[in-house]
Amino acid sequence: MHVKEILNKKGNQVVTIDPEKTIARAVNTLANQNIGAIVVVDSSEKVIGLLAERDIIRGNANHGTEVFALRVKDLMVHEIYTCTPDDDIKDIMSTMTHRRVRHVPVVVGGKLIGIISIGDVVKNRLEETQLEVSVLRDYARSH
């Protein structure tokens, strides 16, 4: 299975934020959208980073309540992993596991077209496993 199949199911809506916005604004966006990470894009909509709940927690540990006045660029992860719609889900799952990454933006020709999370990958794998079990049960019953 490929990334595009997950995007076909979940959609390709991605919440983004400007690196100059405050962490307070990012927190509100995360809460209002019920998401765990937000993609940081520059003025040309190029992906330049990712800000996750985990980054904000670390920022709070280091800066206290002053964290909310910091800019997104101050806490975002700059080294992010991206994928394309044609990438294999098993490869993405391996990257997420080994690199301890929970969110991977989907990019084509430098343009952001979606995002997949570890939850999307696990859900997909669970559906595949349930289908395999069902097929094996049907096969066992017929023989």
N, C-alpha and C. Protein backbone atom coordinates (compact mmCIF):
# COMPACT_ATOMS: atom_id res chain seq x y z
N MET A 1 0.84 -1.18 0.00
CA MET A 1 0.00 0.00 0.00
C MET A 1 0.89 1.24 0.00
N HIS A 2 0.36 2.31 -0.58
CA HIS A 2 1.11 3.54 -0.72
C HIS A 2 0.46 4.70 0.04
N VAL A 3 1.23 5.74 0.25
CA VAL A 3 0.77 6.92 0.98
C VAL A 3 -0.49 7.49 0.35
N LYS A 4 -0.57 7.49 -0.98
CA LYS A 4 -1.73 8.09 -1.65
C LYS A 4 -3.03 7.40 -1.26
N GLU A 5 -2.97 6.11 -0.93
CA GLU A 5 -4.18 5.40 -0.53
C GLU A 5 -4.67 5.86 0.84
N ILE A 6 -3.75 6.18 1.72
CA ILE A 6 -4.15 6.74 3.02
C ILE A 6 -4.74 8.12 2.81
N LEU A 7 -4.10 8.93 1.98
CA LEU A 7 -4.63 10.28 1.71
C LEU A 7 -6.00 10.23 1.07
N ASN A 8 -6.23 9.23 0.20
CA ASN A 8 -7.55 9.09 -0.43
C ASN A 8 -8.63 8.84 0.62
N LYS A 9 -8.30 8.12 1.68
CA LYS A 9 -9.26 7.83 2.75
C LYS A 9 -9.44 9.01 3.69
N LYS A 10 -8.35 9.61 4.12
CA LYS A 10 -8.42 10.64 5.16
C LYS A 10 -8.54 12.06 4.61
N GLY A 11 -8.20 12.24 3.34
CA GLY A 11 -8.21 13.57 2.77
C GLY A 11 -6.82 14.19 2.82
N ASN A 12 -6.71 15.34 2.19
CA ASN A 12 -5.38 15.96 2.13
C ASN A 12 -5.33 17.33 2.79
N GLN A 13 -6.29 17.57 3.68
CA GLN A 13 -6.27 18.84 4.40
C GLN A 13 -5.09 18.87 5.36
N VAL A 14 -4.33 19.95 5.32
CA VAL A 14 -3.18 20.12 6.20
C VAL A 14 -3.26 21.50 6.83
N VAL A 15 -3.10 21.54 8.12
CA VAL A 15 -3.08 22.81 8.83
C VAL A 15 -1.64 23.30 8.86
N THR A 16 -1.44 24.55 8.46
CA THR A 16 -0.10 25.11 8.42
C THR A 16 -0.04 26.39 9.25
N ILE A 17 1.18 26.81 9.53
CA ILE A 17 1.38 28.04 10.28
C ILE A 17 2.65 28.72 9.81
N ASP A 18 2.67 30.02 9.93
CA ASP A 18 3.82 30.84 9.60
C ASP A 18 4.83 30.77 10.74
N PRO A 19 6.11 30.72 10.45
CA PRO A 19 7.12 30.59 11.51
C PRO A 19 7.19 31.79 12.46
N GLU A 20 6.64 32.92 12.04
CA GLU A 20 6.67 34.13 12.88
C GLU A 20 5.50 34.21 13.86
N LYS A 21 4.52 33.34 13.73
CA LYS A 21 3.38 33.34 14.65
C LYS A 21 3.85 32.90 16.03
N THR A 22 3.10 33.26 17.04
CA THR A 22 3.48 32.90 18.41
C THR A 22 3.11 31.46 18.73
N ILE A 23 3.78 30.94 19.73
CA ILE A 23 3.45 29.61 20.22
C ILE A 23 2.02 29.60 20.76
N ALA A 24 1.60 30.69 21.36
CA ALA A 24 0.21 30.77 21.85
C ALA A 24 -0.77 30.56 20.71
N ARG A 25 -0.50 31.16 19.57
CA ARG A 25 -1.35 30.99 18.39
C ARG A 25 -1.32 29.55 17.91
N ALA A 26 -0.14 28.95 17.91
CA ALA A 26 0.00 27.55 17.49
C ALA A 26 -0.77 26.62 18.42
N VAL A 27 -0.69 26.87 19.71
CA VAL A 27 -1.40 26.05 20.70
C VAL A 27 -2.90 26.13 20.45
N ASN A 28 -3.40 27.34 20.23
CA ASN A 28 -4.83 27.50 19.94
C ASN A 28 -5.24 26.76 18.67
N THR A 29 -4.41 26.83 17.66
CA THR A 29 -4.70 26.14 16.41
C THR A 29 -4.71 24.63 16.62
N LEU A 30 -3.72 24.10 17.32
CA LEU A 30 -3.67 22.66 17.60
C LEU A 30 -4.92 22.22 18.35
N ALA A 31 -5.30 22.99 19.35
CA ALA A 31 -6.48 22.63 20.15
C ALA A 31 -7.76 22.73 19.33
N ASN A 32 -7.92 23.81 18.59
CA ASN A 32 -9.15 24.01 17.81
C ASN A 32 -9.30 23.00 16.68
N GLN A 33 -8.19 22.58 16.10
CA GLN A 33 -8.22 21.61 15.00
C GLN A 33 -8.14 20.16 15.49
N ASN A 34 -7.90 20.00 16.80
CA ASN A 34 -7.77 18.67 17.40
C ASN A 34 -6.68 17.85 16.70
N ILE A 35 -5.51 18.46 16.56
CA ILE A 35 -4.38 17.81 15.91
C ILE A 35 -3.16 17.86 16.83
N GLY A 36 -2.18 17.03 16.55
CA GLY A 36 -0.99 16.94 17.39
C GLY A 36 0.23 17.64 16.85
N ALA A 37 0.15 18.09 15.61
CA ALA A 37 1.30 18.77 15.00
C ALA A 37 0.80 19.69 13.90
N ILE A 38 1.60 20.70 13.63
CA ILE A 38 1.26 21.67 12.60
C ILE A 38 2.49 21.87 11.72
N VAL A 39 2.26 21.91 10.42
CA VAL A 39 3.35 22.08 9.45
C VAL A 39 3.67 23.57 9.34
N VAL A 40 4.95 23.88 9.42
CA VAL A 40 5.41 25.27 9.33
C VAL A 40 5.84 25.52 7.89
N VAL A 41 5.26 26.55 7.29
CA VAL A 41 5.58 26.89 5.90
C VAL A 41 6.03 28.35 5.80
N ASP A 42 6.87 28.62 4.81
CA ASP A 42 7.30 30.00 4.59
C ASP A 42 6.29 30.71 3.69
N SER A 43 6.61 31.93 3.30
CA SER A 43 5.66 32.74 2.52
C SER A 43 5.35 32.14 1.15
N SER A 44 6.23 31.27 0.66
CA SER A 44 5.97 30.61 -0.63
C SER A 44 5.31 29.25 -0.46
N GLU A 45 4.87 28.97 0.78
CA GLU A 45 4.19 27.71 1.12
C GLU A 45 5.13 26.50 1.09
N LYS A 46 6.43 26.75 1.15
CA LYS A 46 7.41 25.66 1.22
C LYS A 46 7.49 25.18 2.67
N VAL A 47 7.52 23.86 2.84
CA VAL A 47 7.63 23.27 4.17
C VAL A 47 9.02 23.55 4.72
N ILE A 48 9.07 24.20 5.89
CA ILE A 48 10.37 24.51 6.51
C ILE A 48 10.51 23.91 7.91
N GLY A 49 9.44 23.33 8.43
CA GLY A 49 9.54 22.75 9.77
C GLY A 49 8.24 22.12 10.20
N LEU A 50 8.26 21.63 11.42
CA LEU A 50 7.09 20.99 12.01
C LEU A 50 7.09 21.33 13.49
N LEU A 51 5.93 21.67 14.01
CA LEU A 51 5.79 21.96 15.43
C LEU A 51 4.76 21.00 16.00
N ALA A 52 5.20 20.19 16.96
CA ALA A 52 4.32 19.20 17.58
C ALA A 52 4.12 19.54 19.05
N GLU A 53 3.11 18.92 19.63
CA GLU A 53 2.83 19.11 21.06
C GLU A 53 4.09 18.86 21.89
N ARG A 54 4.83 17.85 21.53
CA ARG A 54 6.06 17.49 22.25
C ARG A 54 7.06 18.65 22.27
N ASP A 55 7.15 19.38 21.16
CA ASP A 55 8.07 20.51 21.09
C ASP A 55 7.63 21.63 22.02
N ILE A 56 6.34 21.82 22.13
CA ILE A 56 5.80 22.87 23.00
C ILE A 56 6.01 22.49 24.46
N ILE A 57 5.84 21.22 24.80
CA ILE A 57 6.09 20.76 26.17
C ILE A 57 7.54 21.00 26.56
N ARG A 58 8.46 20.66 25.65
CA ARG A 58 9.88 20.91 25.93
C ARG A 58 10.14 22.40 26.09
N GLY A 59 9.51 23.20 25.24
CA GLY A 59 9.65 24.65 25.35
C GLY A 59 9.15 25.16 26.68
N ASN A 60 8.05 24.61 27.14
CA ASN A 60 7.49 25.01 28.43
C ASN A 60 8.44 24.62 29.57
N ALA A 61 9.06 23.46 29.46
CA ALA A 61 10.01 23.02 30.48
C ALA A 61 11.23 23.95 30.54
N ASN A 62 11.63 24.46 29.39
CA ASN A 62 12.82 25.32 29.33
C ASN A 62 12.53 26.80 29.57
N HIS A 63 11.31 27.26 29.24
CA HIS A 63 11.02 28.70 29.28
C HIS A 63 9.86 29.06 30.20
N GLY A 64 9.22 28.07 30.80
CA GLY A 64 8.05 28.37 31.63
C GLY A 64 6.94 28.95 30.80
N THR A 65 6.11 29.77 31.42
CA THR A 65 4.96 30.34 30.71
C THR A 65 5.37 31.34 29.63
N GLU A 66 6.64 31.75 29.64
CA GLU A 66 7.13 32.65 28.59
C GLU A 66 7.15 31.96 27.22
N VAL A 67 7.02 30.64 27.23
CA VAL A 67 7.01 29.89 25.98
C VAL A 67 5.94 30.40 25.02
N PHE A 68 4.82 30.86 25.55
CA PHE A 68 3.70 31.27 24.71
C PHE A 68 3.99 32.54 23.91
N ALA A 69 4.99 33.31 24.33
CA ALA A 69 5.38 34.51 23.59
C ALA A 69 6.45 34.23 22.54
N LEU A 70 7.05 33.05 22.61
CA LEU A 70 8.06 32.69 21.61
C LEU A 70 7.41 32.53 20.24
N ARG A 71 8.21 32.53 19.22
CA ARG A 71 7.74 32.33 17.85
C ARG A 71 7.81 30.83 17.51
N VAL A 72 7.00 30.44 16.59
CA VAL A 72 6.99 29.05 16.13
C VAL A 72 8.39 28.63 15.70
N LYS A 73 9.09 29.51 15.01
CA LYS A 73 10.44 29.19 14.52
C LYS A 73 11.42 28.88 15.64
N ASP A 74 11.11 29.35 16.85
CA ASP A 74 11.99 29.11 17.99
C ASP A 74 11.91 27.68 18.52
N LEU A 75 10.79 27.01 18.30
CA LEU A 75 10.59 25.66 18.84
C LEU A 75 10.42 24.58 17.78
N MET A 76 10.16 24.97 16.55
CA MET A 76 9.86 23.98 15.52
C MET A 76 11.07 23.09 15.24
N VAL A 77 10.79 21.91 14.76
CA VAL A 77 11.83 20.98 14.32
C VAL A 77 12.16 21.35 12.88
N HIS A 78 13.42 21.61 12.63
CA HIS A 78 13.84 22.02 11.29
C HIS A 78 14.12 20.83 10.39
N GLU A 79 14.65 19.77 10.97
CA GLU A 79 14.98 18.57 10.18
C GLU A 79 13.76 17.65 10.18
N ILE A 80 12.98 17.76 9.13
CA ILE A 80 11.78 16.94 9.05
C ILE A 80 11.91 15.94 7.91
N TYR A 81 11.15 14.88 8.04
CA TYR A 81 11.12 13.85 7.02
C TYR A 81 9.84 14.02 6.23
N THR A 82 9.95 14.00 4.93
CA THR A 82 8.78 14.10 4.07
C THR A 82 8.68 12.84 3.23
N CYS A 83 7.54 12.68 2.60
CA CYS A 83 7.34 11.55 1.71
C CYS A 83 6.55 12.02 0.50
N THR A 84 6.37 11.12 -0.44
CA THR A 84 5.55 11.41 -1.61
C THR A 84 4.36 10.45 -1.60
N PRO A 85 3.34 10.73 -2.40
CA PRO A 85 2.18 9.84 -2.45
C PRO A 85 2.53 8.42 -2.91
N ASP A 86 3.61 8.27 -3.64
CA ASP A 86 3.98 6.96 -4.17
C ASP A 86 4.86 6.15 -3.22
N ASP A 87 5.23 6.72 -2.08
CA ASP A 87 6.05 5.97 -1.13
C ASP A 87 5.24 4.85 -0.49
N ASP A 88 5.93 3.76 -0.21
CA ASP A 88 5.30 2.59 0.40
C ASP A 88 5.09 2.84 1.90
N ILE A 89 3.93 2.45 2.39
CA ILE A 89 3.59 2.66 3.79
C ILE A 89 4.56 1.93 4.71
N LYS A 90 5.01 0.76 4.32
CA LYS A 90 5.95 0.01 5.17
C LYS A 90 7.26 0.78 5.34
N ASP A 91 7.70 1.47 4.29
CA ASP A 91 8.91 2.28 4.39
C ASP A 91 8.69 3.47 5.33
N ILE A 92 7.52 4.10 5.22
CA ILE A 92 7.19 5.23 6.08
C ILE A 92 7.10 4.77 7.53
N MET A 93 6.48 3.61 7.75
CA MET A 93 6.35 3.06 9.10
C MET A 93 7.74 2.81 9.69
N SER A 94 8.65 2.30 8.90
CA SER A 94 10.01 2.05 9.35
C SER A 94 10.71 3.37 9.71
N THR A 95 10.55 4.37 8.87
CA THR A 95 11.15 5.69 9.15
C THR A 95 10.58 6.27 10.43
N MET A 96 9.27 6.19 10.60
CA MET A 96 8.64 6.73 11.80
C MET A 96 9.16 6.03 13.05
N THR A 97 9.33 4.74 12.96
CA THR A 97 9.78 3.96 14.11
C THR A 97 11.24 4.25 14.44
N HIS A 98 12.10 4.18 13.45
CA HIS A 98 13.53 4.35 13.70
C HIS A 98 13.93 5.79 13.99
N ARG A 99 13.23 6.73 13.40
CA ARG A 99 13.57 8.14 13.60
C ARG A 99 12.73 8.80 14.70
N ARG A 100 11.82 8.00 15.27
CA ARG A 100 10.92 8.51 16.33
C ARG A 100 10.14 9.74 15.85
N VAL A 101 9.57 9.60 14.66
CA VAL A 101 8.80 10.65 14.01
C VAL A 101 7.33 10.25 14.02
N ARG A 102 6.45 11.16 14.39
CA ARG A 102 5.03 10.84 14.48
C ARG A 102 4.21 11.45 13.35
N HIS A 103 4.79 12.42 12.63
CA HIS A 103 4.07 13.10 11.55
C HIS A 103 5.00 13.29 10.37
N VAL A 104 4.50 12.95 9.17
CA VAL A 104 5.31 13.08 7.96
C VAL A 104 4.50 13.84 6.90
N PRO A 105 4.94 15.05 6.56
CA PRO A 105 4.27 15.79 5.49
C PRO A 105 4.46 15.07 4.14
N VAL A 106 3.44 15.15 3.31
CA VAL A 106 3.48 14.56 1.97
C VAL A 106 3.70 15.71 0.99
N VAL A 107 4.77 15.61 0.21
CA VAL A 107 5.19 16.70 -0.66
C VAL A 107 5.39 16.18 -2.08
N VAL A 108 4.92 16.99 -3.05
CA VAL A 108 5.16 16.69 -4.46
C VAL A 108 5.69 17.95 -5.11
N GLY A 109 6.85 17.85 -5.71
CA GLY A 109 7.45 19.00 -6.39
C GLY A 109 7.61 20.20 -5.49
N GLY A 110 7.93 19.96 -4.22
CA GLY A 110 8.10 21.04 -3.26
C GLY A 110 6.80 21.58 -2.69
N LYS A 111 5.67 21.05 -3.15
CA LYS A 111 4.36 21.53 -2.67
C LYS A 111 3.75 20.55 -1.68
N LEU A 112 3.28 21.07 -0.55
CA LEU A 112 2.64 20.28 0.48
C LEU A 112 1.25 19.85 0.01
N ILE A 113 1.00 18.53 0.01
CA ILE A 113 -0.30 18.05 -0.45
C ILE A 113 -1.03 17.21 0.59
N GLY A 114 -0.40 16.98 1.74
CA GLY A 114 -1.04 16.19 2.78
C GLY A 114 -0.08 15.93 3.91
N ILE A 115 -0.56 15.16 4.89
CA ILE A 115 0.26 14.76 6.01
C ILE A 115 -0.26 13.42 6.51
N ILE A 116 0.65 12.56 6.92
CA ILE A 116 0.23 11.30 7.53
C ILE A 116 0.85 11.22 8.92
N SER A 117 0.11 10.64 9.82
CA SER A 117 0.58 10.49 11.20
C SER A 117 0.78 9.02 11.51
N ILE A 118 1.42 8.76 12.62
CA ILE A 118 1.61 7.39 13.06
C ILE A 118 0.25 6.72 13.26
N GLY A 119 -0.73 7.50 13.69
CA GLY A 119 -2.09 6.96 13.85
C GLY A 119 -2.68 6.50 12.53
N ASP A 120 -2.44 7.27 11.46
CA ASP A 120 -2.92 6.87 10.14
C ASP A 120 -2.27 5.57 9.69
N VAL A 121 -0.97 5.45 9.95
CA VAL A 121 -0.23 4.27 9.53
C VAL A 121 -0.69 3.04 10.32
N VAL A 122 -0.87 3.20 11.62
CA VAL A 122 -1.33 2.09 12.45
C VAL A 122 -2.74 1.67 12.05
N LYS A 123 -3.60 2.65 11.83
CA LYS A 123 -4.97 2.34 11.40
C LYS A 123 -4.96 1.55 10.09
N ASN A 124 -4.15 1.99 9.16
CA ASN A 124 -4.03 1.31 7.88
C ASN A 124 -3.55 -0.12 8.06
N ARG A 125 -2.53 -0.29 8.88
CA ARG A 125 -1.98 -1.63 9.10
C ARG A 125 -3.00 -2.54 9.78
N LEU A 126 -3.76 -2.00 10.71
CA LEU A 126 -4.80 -2.76 11.39
C LEU A 126 -5.87 -3.21 10.40
N GLU A 127 -6.28 -2.31 9.50
CA GLU A 127 -7.27 -2.67 8.48
C GLU A 127 -6.73 -3.78 7.56
N GLU A 128 -5.46 -3.67 7.18
CA GLU A 128 -4.86 -4.71 6.34
C GLU A 128 -4.84 -6.06 7.07
N THR A 129 -4.48 -6.04 8.33
CA THR A 129 -4.42 -7.27 9.11
C THR A 129 -5.80 -7.89 9.26
N GLN A 130 -6.81 -7.06 9.52
CA GLN A 130 -8.17 -7.57 9.64
C GLN A 130 -8.65 -8.19 8.33
N LEU A 131 -8.29 -7.59 7.22
CA LEU A 131 -8.65 -8.14 5.91
C LEU A 131 -7.96 -9.49 5.69
N GLU A 132 -6.68 -9.56 6.02
CA GLU A 132 -5.95 -10.82 5.88
C GLU A 132 -6.58 -11.93 6.72
N VAL A 133 -6.94 -11.61 7.96
CA VAL A 133 -7.58 -12.59 8.84
C VAL A 133 -8.91 -13.05 8.25
N SER A 134 -9.67 -12.12 7.73
CA SER A 134 -10.97 -12.45 7.14
C SER A 134 -10.80 -13.37 5.93
N VAL A 135 -9.83 -13.06 5.09
CA VAL A 135 -9.58 -13.89 3.90
C VAL A 135 -9.14 -15.29 4.33
N LEU A 136 -8.26 -15.37 5.31
CA LEU A 136 -7.80 -16.68 5.78
C LEU A 136 -8.93 -17.49 6.41
N ARG A 137 -9.81 -16.81 7.14
CA ARG A 137 -10.97 -17.50 7.73
C ARG A 137 -11.87 -18.08 6.64
N ASP A 138 -12.15 -17.23 5.65
CA ASP A 138 -12.99 -17.70 4.54
C ASP A 138 -12.36 -18.87 3.82
N TYR A 139 -11.05 -18.80 3.63
CA TYR A 139 -10.34 -19.89 2.96
C TYR A 139 -10.42 -21.17 3.81
N ALA A 140 -10.20 -21.04 5.11
CA ALA A 140 -10.23 -22.19 6.01
C ALA A 140 -11.62 -22.84 6.03
N ARG A 141 -12.64 -22.03 6.00
CA ARG A 141 -14.02 -22.54 6.02
C ARG A 141 -14.36 -23.28 4.73
N SER A 142 -13.77 -22.86 3.63
CA SER A 142 -14.11 -23.46 2.33
C SER A 142 -13.34 -24.76 2.07
N HIS A 143 -12.34 -25.04 2.92
CA HIS A 143 -11.54 -26.26 2.69
C HIS A 143 -11.73 -27.25 3.78
